[in-house]
Amino acid sequence: MTELANLKVKYHSMVERHATLLAQHTMLQDEHGVLEGQHDGVRDMLALLQNKYKWLFREYCDLAQEQTKLQIVVMRQEKEIERLKMLYEDQLALKKGKRKKRRDWAAWWAEWKRGMGFA
């Protein structure tokens, strides 16, 4: 009879252990579901961030291209200002009589075209 009692105790112990493991399994499944939902949320957030990054990168490229165009315009205007400054100094020297020789207009025209970026 003691052997039967020992088996009953062992059986009830195993049943309790099984119930405990089953409860833990259920709890872990629920936790897995929550984590899976969070993972999906993070994945969606990552996709949104990637799209925003692509949009911002395109915007950056457009702005860089616009900046390059503006830099070219500024360089041309600086060259034109320098050319006008030289022309003004030449005219001033002519007016004061310090410069008697007239400018070679063909050379001036070639220099102007080169300065403006046409040549």
C-alpha atoms as a PDB file:
ATOM      1  CA  MET A   1       0.000   0.000   0.000  1.00  0.00           C
ATOM      2  CA  THR A   2       2.827   2.390   0.653  1.00  0.00           C
ATOM      3  CA  GLU A   3       4.032   1.882  -2.854  1.00  0.00           C
ATOM      4  CA  LEU A   4       0.587   2.795  -4.184  1.00  0.00           C
ATOM      5  CA  ALA A   5       0.522   5.863  -1.933  1.00  0.00           C
ATOM      6  CA  ASN A   6       3.958   6.871  -3.179  1.00  0.00           C
ATOM      7  CA  LEU A   7       2.775   6.501  -6.772  1.00  0.00           C
ATOM      8  CA  LYS A   8      -0.338   8.600  -6.049  1.00  0.00           C
ATOM      9  CA  VAL A   9       1.806  11.344  -4.480  1.00  0.00           C
ATOM     10  CA  LYS A  10       4.172  11.196  -7.424  1.00  0.00           C
ATOM     11  CA  TYR A  11       1.232  11.324  -9.866  1.00  0.00           C
ATOM     12  CA  HIS A  12      -0.356  14.339  -8.135  1.00  0.00           C
ATOM     13  CA  SER A  13       3.035  16.039  -8.077  1.00  0.00           C
ATOM     14  CA  MET A  14       3.406  15.449 -11.815  1.00  0.00           C
ATOM     15  CA  VAL A  15      -0.143  16.737 -12.455  1.00  0.00           C
ATOM     16  CA  GLU A  16       0.628  19.909 -10.485  1.00  0.00           C
ATOM     17  CA  ARG A  17       3.915  20.309 -12.344  1.00  0.00           C
ATOM     18  CA  HIS A  18       2.094  19.834 -15.666  1.00  0.00           C
ATOM     19  CA  ALA A  19      -0.507  22.465 -14.670  1.00  0.00           C
ATOM     20  CA  THR A  20       2.270  24.866 -13.679  1.00  0.00           C
ATOM     21  CA  LEU A  21       4.116  24.302 -16.963  1.00  0.00           C
ATOM     22  CA  LEU A  22       0.875  24.681 -18.917  1.00  0.00           C
ATOM     23  CA  ALA A  23       0.169  28.006 -17.166  1.00  0.00           C
ATOM     24  CA  GLN A  24       3.703  29.179 -17.888  1.00  0.00           C
ATOM     25  CA  HIS A  25       3.324  28.092 -21.516  1.00  0.00           C
ATOM     26  CA  THR A  26       0.063  30.068 -21.840  1.00  0.00           C
ATOM     27  CA  MET A  27       1.668  33.104 -20.228  1.00  0.00           C
ATOM     28  CA  LEU A  28       4.658  32.864 -22.589  1.00  0.00           C
ATOM     29  CA  GLN A  29       2.324  32.547 -25.593  1.00  0.00           C
ATOM     30  CA  ASP A  30       0.494  35.706 -24.492  1.00  0.00           C
ATOM     31  CA  GLU A  31       3.815  37.517 -24.012  1.00  0.00           C
ATOM     32  CA  HIS A  32       4.911  36.295 -27.442  1.00  0.00           C
ATOM     33  CA  GLY A  33       1.728  37.741 -28.963  1.00  0.00           C
ATOM     34  CA  VAL A  34       2.351  41.094 -27.280  1.00  0.00           C
ATOM     35  CA  LEU A  35       5.965  41.143 -28.467  1.00  0.00           C
ATOM     36  CA  GLU A  36       4.881  40.177 -31.974  1.00  0.00           C
ATOM     37  CA  GLY A  37       2.439  43.108 -31.978  1.00  0.00           C
ATOM     38  CA  GLN A  38       5.183  45.443 -30.784  1.00  0.00           C
ATOM     39  CA  HIS A  39       7.491  44.062 -33.481  1.00  0.00           C
ATOM     40  CA  ASP A  40       4.881  44.814 -36.138  1.00  0.00           C
ATOM     41  CA  GLY A  41       4.519  48.335 -34.739  1.00  0.00           C
ATOM     42  CA  VAL A  42       8.281  48.836 -34.797  1.00  0.00           C
ATOM     43  CA  ARG A  43       8.454  47.486 -38.348  1.00  0.00           C
ATOM     44  CA  ASP A  44       5.723  49.930 -39.437  1.00  0.00           C
ATOM     45  CA  MET A  45       7.538  52.784 -37.697  1.00  0.00           C
ATOM     46  CA  LEU A  46      10.790  51.774 -39.399  1.00  0.00           C
ATOM     47  CA  ALA A  47       9.057  51.781 -42.803  1.00  0.00           C
ATOM     48  CA  LEU A  48       7.689  55.274 -42.103  1.00  0.00           C
ATOM     49  CA  LEU A  49      11.115  56.508 -41.048  1.00  0.00           C
ATOM     50  CA  GLN A  50      12.723  55.014 -44.159  1.00  0.00           C
ATOM     51  CA  ASN A  51      10.173  56.764 -46.376  1.00  0.00           C
ATOM     52  CA  LYS A  52      10.733  60.034 -44.531  1.00  0.00           C
ATOM     53  CA  TYR A  53      14.518  59.594 -44.913  1.00  0.00           C
ATOM     54  CA  LYS A  54      14.130  58.996 -48.661  1.00  0.00           C
ATOM     55  CA  TRP A  55      11.949  62.102 -48.960  1.00  0.00           C
ATOM     56  CA  LEU A  56      14.408  64.205 -46.934  1.00  0.00           C
ATOM     57  CA  PHE A  57      17.337  62.901 -48.991  1.00  0.00           C
ATOM     58  CA  ARG A  58      15.552  63.855 -52.209  1.00  0.00           C
ATOM     59  CA  GLU A  59      14.848  67.289 -50.738  1.00  0.00           C
ATOM     60  CA  TYR A  60      18.515  67.613 -49.747  1.00  0.00           C
ATOM     61  CA  CYS A  61      19.634  66.664 -53.274  1.00  0.00           C
ATOM     62  CA  ASP A  62      17.249  69.230 -54.775  1.00  0.00           C
ATOM     63  CA  LEU A  63      18.548  71.916 -52.415  1.00  0.00           C
ATOM     64  CA  ALA A  64      22.171  71.010 -53.159  1.00  0.00           C
ATOM     65  CA  GLN A  65      21.454  71.264 -56.881  1.00  0.00           C
ATOM     66  CA  GLU A  66      19.766  74.639 -56.373  1.00  0.00           C
ATOM     67  CA  GLN A  67      22.722  75.815 -54.273  1.00  0.00           C
ATOM     68  CA  THR A  68      25.122  74.807 -57.054  1.00  0.00           C
ATOM     69  CA  LYS A  69      23.075  76.757 -59.590  1.00  0.00           C
ATOM     70  CA  LEU A  70      23.056  79.788 -57.313  1.00  0.00           C
ATOM     71  CA  GLN A  71      26.812  79.524 -56.766  1.00  0.00           C
ATOM     72  CA  ILE A  72      27.308  79.551 -60.546  1.00  0.00           C
ATOM     73  CA  VAL A  73      25.093  82.646 -60.826  1.00  0.00           C
ATOM     74  CA  VAL A  74      27.040  84.352 -58.024  1.00  0.00           C
ATOM     75  CA  MET A  75      30.372  83.528 -59.693  1.00  0.00           C
ATOM     76  CA  ARG A  76      29.137  84.981 -62.985  1.00  0.00           C
ATOM     77  CA  GLN A  77      27.908  88.102 -61.232  1.00  0.00           C
ATOM     78  CA  GLU A  78      31.234  88.484 -59.423  1.00  0.00           C
ATOM     79  CA  LYS A  79      33.059  88.192 -62.745  1.00  0.00           C
ATOM     80  CA  GLU A  80      30.709  90.763 -64.254  1.00  0.00           C
ATOM     81  CA  ILE A  81      31.307  93.112 -61.303  1.00  0.00           C
ATOM     82  CA  GLU A  82      35.067  92.704 -61.719  1.00  0.00           C
ATOM     83  CA  ARG A  83      34.749  93.392 -65.452  1.00  0.00           C
ATOM     84  CA  LEU A  84      32.638  96.481 -64.820  1.00  0.00           C
ATOM     85  CA  LYS A  85      35.114  97.662 -62.189  1.00  0.00           C
ATOM     86  CA  MET A  86      37.980  97.336 -64.707  1.00  0.00           C
ATOM     87  CA  LEU A  87      35.898  99.110 -67.347  1.00  0.00           C
ATOM     88  CA  TYR A  88      35.120 101.909 -64.890  1.00  0.00           C
ATOM     89  CA  GLU A  89      38.789 102.277 -63.983  1.00  0.00           C
ATOM     90  CA  ASP A  90      39.675 102.391 -67.685  1.00  0.00           C
ATOM     91  CA  GLN A  91      37.025 105.047 -68.305  1.00  0.00           C
ATOM     92  CA  LEU A  92      38.200 107.029 -65.301  1.00  0.00           C
ATOM     93  CA  ALA A  93      41.812 106.866 -66.514  1.00  0.00           C
ATOM     94  CA  LEU A  94      40.710 107.993 -69.987  1.00  0.00           C
ATOM     95  CA  LYS A  95      38.730 110.859 -68.510  1.00  0.00           C
ATOM     96  CA  LYS A  96      41.664 112.025 -66.420  1.00  0.00           C
ATOM     97  CA  GLY A  97      43.893 111.817 -69.470  1.00  0.00           C
ATOM     98  CA  LYS A  98      46.221 109.254 -67.985  1.00  0.00           C
ATOM     99  CA  ARG A  99      45.300 106.712 -70.612  1.00  0.00           C
ATOM    100  CA  LYS A 100      45.310 107.781 -74.208  1.00  0.00           C
ATOM    101  CA  LYS A 101      45.172 104.439 -75.971  1.00  0.00           C
ATOM    102  CA  ARG A 102      41.718 103.126 -76.837  1.00  0.00           C
ATOM    103  CA  ARG A 103      40.789  99.625 -75.878  1.00  0.00           C
ATOM    104  CA  ASP A 104      40.959  96.826 -78.442  1.00  0.00           C
ATOM    105  CA  TRP A 105      37.219  96.036 -78.657  1.00  0.00           C
ATOM    106  CA  ALA A 106      37.667  92.572 -80.140  1.00  0.00           C
ATOM    107  CA  ALA A 107      39.922  91.584 -77.234  1.00  0.00           C
ATOM    108  CA  TRP A 108      37.496  93.191 -74.795  1.00  0.00           C
ATOM    109  CA  TRP A 109      34.573  91.289 -76.316  1.00  0.00           C
ATOM    110  CA  ALA A 110      36.457  87.970 -76.118  1.00  0.00           C
ATOM    111  CA  GLU A 111      37.422  88.716 -72.503  1.00  0.00           C
ATOM    112  CA  TRP A 112      33.838  89.604 -71.641  1.00  0.00           C
ATOM    113  CA  LYS A 113      32.478  86.388 -73.178  1.00  0.00           C
ATOM    114  CA  ARG A 114      35.113  84.357 -71.328  1.00  0.00           C
ATOM    115  CA  GLY A 115      34.273  86.149 -68.075  1.00  0.00           C
ATOM    116  CA  MET A 116      30.580  85.454 -68.498  1.00  0.00           C
ATOM    117  CA  GLY A 117      31.230  81.784 -69.202  1.00  0.00           C
ATOM    118  CA  PHE A 118      30.184  81.820 -72.860  1.00  0.00           C
ATOM    119  CA  ALA A 119      33.566  81.020 -74.339  1.00  0.00           C
END
